[in-house]
C-alpha cells in the first residue's frame, strides 16, 4: 500500500491553451527550497547526478533540462550541479535510477518539494533512462517536469477538478500494479495558483495521452481535441506560479512560449504574498533519502 501511495507522486509524465498551476502547500513533510546563503539574490537548488549509472544521452538530456529551467526561471530560482554527493554542506537533489539500496524503480519520480528537516545525504529523484512506460530519461521535457515537481509544482493532470477523462485500465502491462495510483487525483495539500485557476494544458507537468499506455490506446482523452504541449519550456503559468510560491522579485518577467499571457498573468504584485509553509523539521538519515521513505 505504501508503494501505491508514493506512486501517486512518482511519475514520469505530461495533456494546450488554458491557464493554472497547482503547488504543494500545507504539508509538514515538504517546505520551499531555502536560499543557500544570505547574500544570494534568489534560491539555488544543488543537484548531484549519479553519472556512472547513466548513458551519455541521458546525461545530456538531464543537463539540457536544467539549462532550460534555469533559463525560464532566471532571477527567481536556479539549479546548480555539484560534482560529488559528499560534503555538499546543504540539502540537495540526488538524481539516480535506483534507490539508496540499489533497488530498481518502475517509474521516474520525486517528492513534491524540499523534504522538511536536514537531509545531508540528499533527497532522491528517480530518472529512468529511455522513453518507455515509466521512463523519462529520453525526454528533456519529461525530465524538466520532474525537477518542477521537486520545487513544489504538482502534476496538472492529477488536479481534482481535471477536465480530462482517465482510463486506468489502459496502463502499460509493466505498470499495471500501480496504474490507479499513478493517475490518482490530488485531494489534499495542494493550492491552485491564485492568479488564474483554470486547467493549464501547457504545463511542463503535462504528459501526452499515450504516455504509459499500452500500444494503440490512451490513458486519457483531452476535451475538444486539445493538443499536447511539446516545447521544452515552462508554461507562462508554471513560471508565474513558481515565482509566486518562492516570493521572487517582482521585476522577474516570465516568458510566454504558448501565448497564454494576459496583462495580469505576468504580474504577481496584486496577489497576497506567499509566506511559505510551516513545518515540523525532523533530522533525516545521513544517506540519500528515497521518496518511498516519506510515505
C-alpha atoms as a PDB file:
ATOM      1  CA  UNK A   1       0.000   0.000   0.000  1.00  0.00           C
ATOM      2  CA  UNK A   2       2.837   2.385   0.831  1.00  0.00           C
ATOM      3  CA  UNK A   3       4.301   1.800  -2.619  1.00  0.00           C
ATOM      4  CA  UNK A   4       0.964   2.625  -4.235  1.00  0.00           C
ATOM      5  CA  UNK A   5       0.618   5.877  -2.282  1.00  0.00           C
ATOM      6  CA  UNK A   6       4.059   7.150  -3.220  1.00  0.00           C
ATOM      7  CA  UNK A   7       3.475   6.376  -6.869  1.00  0.00           C
ATOM      8  CA  UNK A   8       0.750   8.992  -6.976  1.00  0.00           C
ATOM      9  CA  UNK A   9       3.709  11.410  -6.821  1.00  0.00           C
ATOM     10  CA  UNK A  10       6.384   9.426  -8.658  1.00  0.00           C
ATOM     11  CA  UNK A  11       5.537   9.885 -12.282  1.00  0.00           C
ATOM     12  CA  UNK A  12       7.360  10.451 -15.482  1.00  0.00           C
ATOM     13  CA  UNK A  13       4.653  12.261 -17.237  1.00  0.00           C
ATOM     14  CA  UNK A  14       2.649  15.440 -19.139  1.00  0.00           C
ATOM     15  CA  UNK A  15      -2.049  16.522 -21.501  1.00  0.00           C
ATOM     16  CA  UNK A  16      -2.843  23.165 -24.934  1.00  0.00           C
ATOM     17  CA  UNK A  17      -4.223  26.663 -24.250  1.00  0.00           C
ATOM     18  CA  UNK A  18      -5.576  27.265 -20.736  1.00  0.00           C
ATOM     19  CA  UNK A  19      -4.223  28.613 -17.512  1.00  0.00           C
ATOM     20  CA  UNK A  20      -3.286  27.473 -13.959  1.00  0.00           C
ATOM     21  CA  UNK A  21      -0.871  25.515 -11.848  1.00  0.00           C
ATOM     22  CA  UNK A  22      -1.081  23.592  -8.598  1.00  0.00           C
ATOM     23  CA  UNK A  23       1.533  23.639  -5.882  1.00  0.00           C
ATOM     24  CA  UNK A  24       2.397  21.756  -2.706  1.00  0.00           C
ATOM     25  CA  UNK A  25       1.101  23.554   0.378  1.00  0.00           C
ATOM     26  CA  UNK A  26       0.106  22.876   3.971  1.00  0.00           C
ATOM     27  CA  UNK A  27       2.019  19.606   4.187  1.00  0.00           C
ATOM     28  CA  UNK A  28       4.574  19.473   7.021  1.00  0.00           C
ATOM     29  CA  UNK A  29       6.639  16.909   5.104  1.00  0.00           C
ATOM     30  CA  UNK A  30       7.691  19.472   2.491  1.00  0.00           C
ATOM     31  CA  UNK A  31       8.987  23.034   2.513  1.00  0.00           C
ATOM     32  CA  UNK A  32      10.264  25.518  -0.004  1.00  0.00           C
ATOM     33  CA  UNK A  33      13.910  25.108  -1.010  1.00  0.00           C
ATOM     34  CA  UNK A  34      15.882  27.594   1.096  1.00  0.00           C
ATOM     35  CA  UNK A  35      18.251  30.321  -0.011  1.00  0.00           C
ATOM     36  CA  UNK A  36      21.739  28.805   0.288  1.00  0.00           C
ATOM     37  CA  UNK A  37      23.490  31.922   1.555  1.00  0.00           C
ATOM     38  CA  UNK A  38      22.212  35.233   2.881  1.00  0.00           C
ATOM     39  CA  UNK A  39      23.964  37.045   0.044  1.00  0.00           C
ATOM     40  CA  UNK A  40      22.176  35.029  -2.675  1.00  0.00           C
ATOM     41  CA  UNK A  41      19.614  37.107  -4.601  1.00  0.00           C
ATOM     42  CA  UNK A  42      17.487  34.014  -5.331  1.00  0.00           C
ATOM     43  CA  UNK A  43      17.091  30.339  -4.432  1.00  0.00           C
ATOM     44  CA  UNK A  44      19.709  27.911  -5.738  1.00  0.00           C
ATOM     45  CA  UNK A  45      18.975  24.174  -5.582  1.00  0.00           C
ATOM     46  CA  UNK A  46      22.049  21.879  -5.577  1.00  0.00           C
ATOM     47  CA  UNK A  47      21.775  18.808  -7.815  1.00  0.00           C
ATOM     48  CA  UNK A  48      24.014  15.744  -7.915  1.00  0.00           C
ATOM     49  CA  UNK A  49      23.658  13.387 -10.893  1.00  0.00           C
ATOM     50  CA  UNK A  50      24.955   9.832 -10.454  1.00  0.00           C
ATOM     51  CA  UNK A  51      26.544   9.836 -13.915  1.00  0.00           C
ATOM     52  CA  UNK A  52      28.096   6.391 -13.598  1.00  0.00           C
ATOM     53  CA  UNK A  53      24.583   4.912 -13.838  1.00  0.00           C
ATOM     54  CA  UNK A  54      23.616   6.811 -16.997  1.00  0.00           C
ATOM     55  CA  UNK A  55      24.462   6.604 -20.690  1.00  0.00           C
ATOM     56  CA  UNK A  56      25.767   9.756 -22.351  1.00  0.00           C
ATOM     57  CA  UNK A  57      22.449  10.700 -23.971  1.00  0.00           C
ATOM     58  CA  UNK A  58      20.568  10.597 -20.673  1.00  0.00           C
ATOM     59  CA  UNK A  59      23.270  12.742 -19.056  1.00  0.00           C
ATOM     60  CA  UNK A  60      22.950  15.251 -21.902  1.00  0.00           C
ATOM     61  CA  UNK A  61      19.157  15.298 -21.521  1.00  0.00           C
ATOM     62  CA  UNK A  62      19.428  15.972 -17.790  1.00  0.00           C
ATOM     63  CA  UNK A  63      21.882  18.809 -18.440  1.00  0.00           C
ATOM     64  CA  UNK A  64      19.591  20.255 -21.126  1.00  0.00           C
ATOM     65  CA  UNK A  65      16.577  20.095 -18.793  1.00  0.00           C
ATOM     66  CA  UNK A  66      18.398  22.027 -16.065  1.00  0.00           C
ATOM     67  CA  UNK A  67      19.598  24.636 -18.558  1.00  0.00           C
ATOM     68  CA  UNK A  68      16.054  25.118 -19.889  1.00  0.00           C
ATOM     69  CA  UNK A  69      14.605  25.501 -16.396  1.00  0.00           C
ATOM     70  CA  UNK A  70      17.348  27.899 -15.350  1.00  0.00           C
ATOM     71  CA  UNK A  71      16.672  29.992 -18.450  1.00  0.00           C
ATOM     72  CA  UNK A  72      12.921  30.138 -17.784  1.00  0.00           C
ATOM     73  CA  UNK A  73      13.445  30.905 -14.076  1.00  0.00           C
ATOM     74  CA  UNK A  74      16.277  33.435 -14.442  1.00  0.00           C
ATOM     75  CA  UNK A  75      16.378  35.748 -11.439  1.00  0.00           C
ATOM     76  CA  UNK A  76      13.961  33.563  -9.465  1.00  0.00           C
ATOM     77  CA  UNK A  77      15.392  30.069  -8.883  1.00  0.00           C
ATOM     78  CA  UNK A  78      18.331  28.132 -10.304  1.00  0.00           C
ATOM     79  CA  UNK A  79      19.519  24.515 -10.233  1.00  0.00           C
ATOM     80  CA  UNK A  80      23.260  24.125  -9.649  1.00  0.00           C
ATOM     81  CA  UNK A  81      25.031  20.816 -10.282  1.00  0.00           C
ATOM     82  CA  UNK A  82      27.559  19.643  -7.704  1.00  0.00           C
ATOM     83  CA  UNK A  83      30.378  17.183  -8.554  1.00  0.00           C
ATOM     84  CA  UNK A  84      30.029  14.903  -5.518  1.00  0.00           C
ATOM     85  CA  UNK A  85      27.292  13.811  -3.085  1.00  0.00           C
ATOM     86  CA  UNK A  86      29.659  14.101  -0.132  1.00  0.00           C
ATOM     87  CA  UNK A  87      30.290  17.256   1.862  1.00  0.00           C
ATOM     88  CA  UNK A  88      27.803  19.295  -0.132  1.00  0.00           C
ATOM     89  CA  UNK A  89      27.095  21.287   3.010  1.00  0.00           C
ATOM     90  CA  UNK A  90      23.464  21.884   2.043  1.00  0.00           C
ATOM     91  CA  UNK A  91      20.419  19.773   1.232  1.00  0.00           C
ATOM     92  CA  UNK A  92      20.396  18.692  -2.396  1.00  0.00           C
ATOM     93  CA  UNK A  93      18.654  16.568  -5.033  1.00  0.00           C
ATOM     94  CA  UNK A  94      20.345  13.217  -5.696  1.00  0.00           C
ATOM     95  CA  UNK A  95      19.489  12.049  -9.237  1.00  0.00           C
ATOM     96  CA  UNK A  96      19.726   8.298  -9.838  1.00  0.00           C
ATOM     97  CA  UNK A  97      17.757   5.473 -11.498  1.00  0.00           C
ATOM     98  CA  UNK A  98      17.890   3.368  -8.315  1.00  0.00           C
ATOM     99  CA  UNK A  99      17.072   3.721  -4.631  1.00  0.00           C
ATOM    100  CA  UNK A 100      19.668   4.236  -1.914  1.00  0.00           C
ATOM    101  CA  UNK A 101      19.842   0.426  -1.581  1.00  0.00           C
ATOM    102  CA  UNK A 102      20.350  -0.059  -5.321  1.00  0.00           C
ATOM    103  CA  UNK A 103      16.795  -1.228  -5.963  1.00  0.00           C
ATOM    104  CA  UNK A 104      15.460  -0.682  -9.496  1.00  0.00           C
ATOM    105  CA  UNK A 105      12.427   1.592  -9.892  1.00  0.00           C
ATOM    106  CA  UNK A 106       9.288   1.269 -12.023  1.00  0.00           C
ATOM    107  CA  UNK A 107       8.878   4.967 -12.766  1.00  0.00           C
ATOM    108  CA  UNK A 108      10.667   8.264 -12.678  1.00  0.00           C
ATOM    109  CA  UNK A 109       9.689  10.438  -9.743  1.00  0.00           C
ATOM    110  CA  UNK A 110      10.461  12.692  -6.831  1.00  0.00           C
ATOM    111  CA  UNK A 111       8.770  14.123  -3.782  1.00  0.00           C
ATOM    112  CA  UNK A 112       6.868  17.401  -4.348  1.00  0.00           C
ATOM    113  CA  UNK A 113       9.199  19.876  -2.692  1.00  0.00           C
ATOM    114  CA  UNK A 114      12.111  20.112  -0.293  1.00  0.00           C
ATOM    115  CA  UNK A 115      11.931  17.487   2.451  1.00  0.00           C
ATOM    116  CA  UNK A 116      11.418  19.111   5.842  1.00  0.00           C
ATOM    117  CA  UNK A 117      14.375  18.977   8.169  1.00  0.00           C
ATOM    118  CA  UNK A 118      18.027  18.355   7.362  1.00  0.00           C
ATOM    119  CA  UNK A 119      18.908  15.886   4.593  1.00  0.00           C
ATOM    120  CA  UNK A 120      22.730  15.894   4.379  1.00  0.00           C
ATOM    121  CA  UNK A 121      22.767  12.830   2.110  1.00  0.00           C
ATOM    122  CA  UNK A 122      20.391  14.398  -0.382  1.00  0.00           C
ATOM    123  CA  UNK A 123      16.831  13.533  -1.394  1.00  0.00           C
ATOM    124  CA  UNK A 124      16.466  11.078  -4.265  1.00  0.00           C
ATOM    125  CA  UNK A 125      14.976  11.866  -7.653  1.00  0.00           C
ATOM    126  CA  UNK A 126      14.490   8.864  -9.911  1.00  0.00           C
ATOM    127  CA  UNK A 127      15.262   9.465 -13.584  1.00  0.00           C
ATOM    128  CA  UNK A 128      14.997   6.233 -15.582  1.00  0.00           C
ATOM    129  CA  UNK A 129      16.760   6.142 -18.983  1.00  0.00           C
ATOM    130  CA  UNK A 130      14.597   5.558 -22.050  1.00  0.00           C
ATOM    131  CA  UNK A 131      11.192   6.539 -23.414  1.00  0.00           C
ATOM    132  CA  UNK A 132       9.111   3.504 -22.498  1.00  0.00           C
ATOM    133  CA  UNK A 133       6.400   3.194 -19.826  1.00  0.00           C
ATOM    134  CA  UNK A 134       7.587   4.717 -16.562  1.00  0.00           C
ATOM    135  CA  UNK A 135      10.762   6.104 -18.169  1.00  0.00           C
ATOM    136  CA  UNK A 136      11.583   9.767 -18.737  1.00  0.00           C
ATOM    137  CA  UNK A 137      15.355   9.966 -19.356  1.00  0.00           C
ATOM    138  CA  UNK A 138      14.849  10.049 -23.123  1.00  0.00           C
ATOM    139  CA  UNK A 139      12.799  13.263 -22.958  1.00  0.00           C
ATOM    140  CA  UNK A 140      14.163  16.654 -21.904  1.00  0.00           C
ATOM    141  CA  UNK A 141      10.618  17.851 -21.338  1.00  0.00           C
ATOM    142  CA  UNK A 142       9.665  15.000 -19.028  1.00  0.00           C
ATOM    143  CA  UNK A 143      12.864  15.413 -17.003  1.00  0.00           C
ATOM    144  CA  UNK A 144      12.007  19.099 -16.643  1.00  0.00           C
ATOM    145  CA  UNK A 145       8.650  18.028 -15.241  1.00  0.00           C
ATOM    146  CA  UNK A 146      10.322  16.004 -12.513  1.00  0.00           C
ATOM    147  CA  UNK A 147      12.549  18.917 -11.459  1.00  0.00           C
ATOM    148  CA  UNK A 148       9.472  21.167 -11.469  1.00  0.00           C
ATOM    149  CA  UNK A 149       7.822  18.627  -9.124  1.00  0.00           C
ATOM    150  CA  UNK A 150      10.878  18.783  -6.861  1.00  0.00           C
ATOM    151  CA  UNK A 151      10.399  22.521  -6.262  1.00  0.00           C
ATOM    152  CA  UNK A 152       6.716  22.106  -5.471  1.00  0.00           C
ATOM    153  CA  UNK A 153       4.875  22.250  -8.814  1.00  0.00           C
ATOM    154  CA  UNK A 154       2.428  19.339  -8.931  1.00  0.00           C
ATOM    155  CA  UNK A 155       1.210  17.334 -11.932  1.00  0.00           C
ATOM    156  CA  UNK A 156      -1.573  19.247 -13.658  1.00  0.00           C
ATOM    157  CA  UNK A 157      -3.291  16.075 -14.877  1.00  0.00           C
ATOM    158  CA  UNK A 158      -3.771  14.964 -11.252  1.00  0.00           C
ATOM    159  CA  UNK A 159      -5.829  18.010 -10.294  1.00  0.00           C
ATOM    160  CA  UNK A 160      -9.026  17.064  -8.530  1.00  0.00           C
ATOM    161  CA  UNK A 161     -11.002  19.257 -10.964  1.00  0.00           C
ATOM    162  CA  UNK A 162      -9.253  17.967 -14.099  1.00  0.00           C
ATOM    163  CA  UNK A 163     -11.339  18.070 -17.302  1.00  0.00           C
ATOM    164  CA  UNK A 164      -9.582  15.021 -18.773  1.00  0.00           C
ATOM    165  CA  UNK A 165     -11.117  11.551 -18.651  1.00  0.00           C
ATOM    166  CA  UNK A 166      -8.680   8.926 -17.339  1.00  0.00           C
ATOM    167  CA  UNK A 167      -8.869   5.233 -18.267  1.00  0.00           C
ATOM    168  CA  UNK A 168      -6.560   3.473 -15.838  1.00  0.00           C
ATOM    169  CA  UNK A 169      -7.261   0.115 -17.466  1.00  0.00           C
ATOM    170  CA  UNK A 170      -5.148   1.200 -20.440  1.00  0.00           C
ATOM    171  CA  UNK A 171      -1.950   1.402 -18.391  1.00  0.00           C
ATOM    172  CA  UNK A 172       1.042  -0.445 -19.827  1.00  0.00           C
ATOM    173  CA  UNK A 173       1.223  -4.038 -18.682  1.00  0.00           C
ATOM    174  CA  UNK A 174       4.529  -3.389 -16.926  1.00  0.00           C
ATOM    175  CA  UNK A 175       2.836  -0.738 -14.754  1.00  0.00           C
ATOM    176  CA  UNK A 176      -0.491  -2.496 -14.184  1.00  0.00           C
ATOM    177  CA  UNK A 177       0.121  -2.900 -10.449  1.00  0.00           C
ATOM    178  CA  UNK A 178       0.415   0.858  -9.920  1.00  0.00           C
ATOM    179  CA  UNK A 179      -1.780   2.285 -12.697  1.00  0.00           C
ATOM    180  CA  UNK A 180      -4.557   3.620 -10.494  1.00  0.00           C
ATOM    181  CA  UNK A 181      -2.241   5.452  -8.107  1.00  0.00           C
ATOM    182  CA  UNK A 182      -0.171   6.929 -10.941  1.00  0.00           C
ATOM    183  CA  UNK A 183      -3.200   8.896 -12.168  1.00  0.00           C
ATOM    184  CA  UNK A 184      -4.998   9.407  -8.866  1.00  0.00           C
ATOM    185  CA  UNK A 185      -6.362  12.926  -8.330  1.00  0.00           C
ATOM    186  CA  UNK A 186      -4.939  15.049  -5.524  1.00  0.00           C
ATOM    187  CA  UNK A 187      -7.387  15.572  -2.685  1.00  0.00           C
ATOM    188  CA  UNK A 188      -5.292  17.483  -0.118  1.00  0.00           C
ATOM    189  CA  UNK A 189      -2.219  19.641   0.481  1.00  0.00           C
ATOM    190  CA  UNK A 190      -2.301  21.477  -2.842  1.00  0.00           C
ATOM    191  CA  UNK A 191      -3.086  25.069  -3.810  1.00  0.00           C
ATOM    192  CA  UNK A 192      -4.140  26.316  -7.235  1.00  0.00           C
ATOM    193  CA  UNK A 193      -2.116  29.339  -8.343  1.00  0.00           C
ATOM    194  CA  UNK A 194      -4.498  32.166  -7.392  1.00  0.00           C
ATOM    195  CA  UNK A 195      -3.890  34.435 -10.379  1.00  0.00           C
ATOM    196  CA  UNK A 196      -5.748  32.058 -12.706  1.00  0.00           C
ATOM    197  CA  UNK A 197      -7.378  28.819 -11.605  1.00  0.00           C
ATOM    198  CA  UNK A 198      -8.355  27.163 -14.920  1.00  0.00           C
ATOM    199  CA  UNK A 199      -6.674  23.977 -16.137  1.00  0.00           C
ATOM    200  CA  UNK A 200      -3.265  24.544 -17.809  1.00  0.00           C
ATOM    201  CA  UNK A 201      -2.938  22.209 -20.782  1.00  0.00           C
ATOM    202  CA  UNK A 202       0.553  23.627 -21.430  1.00  0.00           C
ATOM    203  CA  UNK A 203       2.094  22.908 -18.043  1.00  0.00           C
ATOM    204  CA  UNK A 204       5.544  21.305 -18.049  1.00  0.00           C
ATOM    205  CA  UNK A 205       3.969  18.643 -15.817  1.00  0.00           C
ATOM    206  CA  UNK A 206       1.507  17.632 -18.548  1.00  0.00           C
ATOM    207  CA  UNK A 207       2.008  14.366 -20.409  1.00  0.00           C
ATOM    208  CA  UNK A 208       0.640  13.048 -23.673  1.00  0.00           C
ATOM    209  CA  UNK A 209      -2.429  10.777 -23.548  1.00  0.00           C
ATOM    210  CA  UNK A 210      -0.317   7.881 -24.851  1.00  0.00           C
ATOM    211  CA  UNK A 211       2.383   8.147 -22.155  1.00  0.00           C
ATOM    212  CA  UNK A 212       2.455   4.995 -20.019  1.00  0.00           C
ATOM    213  CA  UNK A 213      -0.345   3.368 -22.029  1.00  0.00           C
ATOM    214  CA  UNK A 214      -0.434   0.049 -23.845  1.00  0.00           C
ATOM    215  CA  UNK A 215       0.163   0.303 -27.622  1.00  0.00           C
ATOM    216  CA  UNK A 216      -2.787   1.660 -29.594  1.00  0.00           C
ATOM    217  CA  UNK A 217      -4.678   3.129 -26.624  1.00  0.00           C
ATOM    218  CA  UNK A 218      -4.520   6.231 -24.436  1.00  0.00           C
ATOM    219  CA  UNK A 219      -4.518   6.835 -20.710  1.00  0.00           C
ATOM    220  CA  UNK A 220      -6.879   9.797 -21.030  1.00  0.00           C
ATOM    221  CA  UNK A 221      -8.685  11.999 -23.506  1.00  0.00           C
ATOM    222  CA  UNK A 222      -8.465  15.781 -23.782  1.00  0.00           C
ATOM    223  CA  UNK A 223     -11.739  17.662 -24.160  1.00  0.00           C
ATOM    224  CA  UNK A 224     -12.221  19.366 -27.513  1.00  0.00           C
ATOM    225  CA  UNK A 225      -9.220  17.660 -29.083  1.00  0.00           C
ATOM    226  CA  UNK A 226      -6.712  19.767 -27.179  1.00  0.00           C
ATOM    227  CA  UNK A 227      -3.169  19.169 -28.465  1.00  0.00           C
ATOM    228  CA  UNK A 228      -0.413  18.104 -26.085  1.00  0.00           C
ATOM    229  CA  UNK A 229       2.457  20.552 -25.444  1.00  0.00           C
ATOM    230  CA  UNK A 230       5.838  19.681 -26.934  1.00  0.00           C
ATOM    231  CA  UNK A 231       8.152  22.561 -26.016  1.00  0.00           C
ATOM    232  CA  UNK A 232      10.983  22.139 -23.534  1.00  0.00           C
ATOM    233  CA  UNK A 233       9.726  25.205 -21.688  1.00  0.00           C
ATOM    234  CA  UNK A 234       7.767  26.101 -18.603  1.00  0.00           C
ATOM    235  CA  UNK A 235       4.373  27.498 -19.466  1.00  0.00           C
ATOM    236  CA  UNK A 236       3.820  31.132 -18.527  1.00  0.00           C
ATOM    237  CA  UNK A 237       1.577  29.930 -15.711  1.00  0.00           C
ATOM    238  CA  UNK A 238       4.111  27.386 -14.443  1.00  0.00           C
ATOM    239  CA  UNK A 239       6.740  30.106 -14.229  1.00  0.00           C
ATOM    240  CA  UNK A 240       4.479  32.648 -12.536  1.00  0.00           C
ATOM    241  CA  UNK A 241       3.226  30.070 -10.051  1.00  0.00           C
ATOM    242  CA  UNK A 242       6.798  29.201  -9.043  1.00  0.00           C
ATOM    243  CA  UNK A 243       7.630  32.915  -8.920  1.00  0.00           C
ATOM    244  CA  UNK A 244       4.676  33.450  -6.562  1.00  0.00           C
ATOM    245  CA  UNK A 245       5.441  30.394  -4.422  1.00  0.00           C
ATOM    246  CA  UNK A 246       9.053  31.460  -3.867  1.00  0.00           C
ATOM    247  CA  UNK A 247       8.306  35.181  -3.467  1.00  0.00           C
ATOM    248  CA  UNK A 248      10.635  36.014  -6.341  1.00  0.00           C
ATOM    249  CA  UNK A 249      11.482  39.588  -7.217  1.00  0.00           C
ATOM    250  CA  UNK A 250       8.517  41.307  -8.891  1.00  0.00           C
ATOM    251  CA  UNK A 251      10.859  42.522 -11.632  1.00  0.00           C
ATOM    252  CA  UNK A 252      11.300  38.937 -12.856  1.00  0.00           C
ATOM    253  CA  UNK A 253       9.189  38.543 -16.014  1.00  0.00           C
ATOM    254  CA  UNK A 254       8.213  35.062 -17.163  1.00  0.00           C
ATOM    255  CA  UNK A 255       8.440  34.069 -20.832  1.00  0.00           C
ATOM    256  CA  UNK A 256       5.263  33.129 -22.670  1.00  0.00           C
ATOM    257  CA  UNK A 257       6.106  30.312 -25.127  1.00  0.00           C
ATOM    258  CA  UNK A 258       2.461  29.273 -25.657  1.00  0.00           C
ATOM    259  CA  UNK A 259       0.889  32.740 -25.886  1.00  0.00           C
ATOM    260  CA  UNK A 260      -1.021  32.359 -22.590  1.00  0.00           C
ATOM    261  CA  UNK A 261      -0.223  35.749 -21.180  1.00  0.00           C
ATOM    262  CA  UNK A 262      -2.775  38.346 -20.164  1.00  0.00           C
ATOM    263  CA  UNK A 263      -1.722  41.622 -18.514  1.00  0.00           C
ATOM    264  CA  UNK A 264      -2.478  40.131 -15.099  1.00  0.00           C
ATOM    265  CA  UNK A 265      -0.776  36.777 -15.613  1.00  0.00           C
ATOM    266  CA  UNK A 266       2.739  38.184 -15.636  1.00  0.00           C
ATOM    267  CA  UNK A 267       2.334  40.410 -12.625  1.00  0.00           C
ATOM    268  CA  UNK A 268       2.090  38.933  -9.150  1.00  0.00           C
ATOM    269  CA  UNK A 269       2.062  42.315  -7.445  1.00  0.00           C
ATOM    270  CA  UNK A 270      -1.676  42.180  -6.787  1.00  0.00           C
ATOM    271  CA  UNK A 271      -1.619  38.696  -5.229  1.00  0.00           C
ATOM    272  CA  UNK A 272      -1.136  38.433  -1.464  1.00  0.00           C
ATOM    273  CA  UNK A 273       2.457  37.278  -0.887  1.00  0.00           C
ATOM    274  CA  UNK A 274       3.041  33.619  -0.215  1.00  0.00           C
ATOM    275  CA  UNK A 275       4.916  33.167   3.034  1.00  0.00           C
ATOM    276  CA  UNK A 276       5.968  29.539   2.593  1.00  0.00           C
ATOM    277  CA  UNK A 277       4.972  26.530   4.623  1.00  0.00           C
ATOM    278  CA  UNK A 278       5.081  25.991   8.346  1.00  0.00           C
ATOM    279  CA  UNK A 279       6.988  22.808   9.029  1.00  0.00           C
ATOM    280  CA  UNK A 280       7.922  20.436  11.795  1.00  0.00           C
ATOM    281  CA  UNK A 281      11.583  19.785  10.909  1.00  0.00           C
ATOM    282  CA  UNK A 282      12.957  16.323  11.520  1.00  0.00           C
ATOM    283  CA  UNK A 283      16.503  15.082  11.174  1.00  0.00           C
ATOM    284  CA  UNK A 284      16.667  12.710   8.225  1.00  0.00           C
ATOM    285  CA  UNK A 285      19.098   9.782   7.717  1.00  0.00           C
ATOM    286  CA  UNK A 286      22.650  10.638   6.667  1.00  0.00           C
ATOM    287  CA  UNK A 287      22.393   8.731   3.358  1.00  0.00           C
ATOM    288  CA  UNK A 288      20.234   9.657   0.353  1.00  0.00           C
ATOM    289  CA  UNK A 289      16.562   9.840   1.310  1.00  0.00           C
ATOM    290  CA  UNK A 290      14.371   7.829  -1.048  1.00  0.00           C
ATOM    291  CA  UNK A 291      10.920   9.170  -1.942  1.00  0.00           C
ATOM    292  CA  UNK A 292       9.368   5.958  -0.625  1.00  0.00           C
ATOM    293  CA  UNK A 293      10.764   6.757   2.815  1.00  0.00           C
ATOM    294  CA  UNK A 294       8.392   9.685   3.079  1.00  0.00           C
ATOM    295  CA  UNK A 295       5.012   7.934   2.846  1.00  0.00           C
END
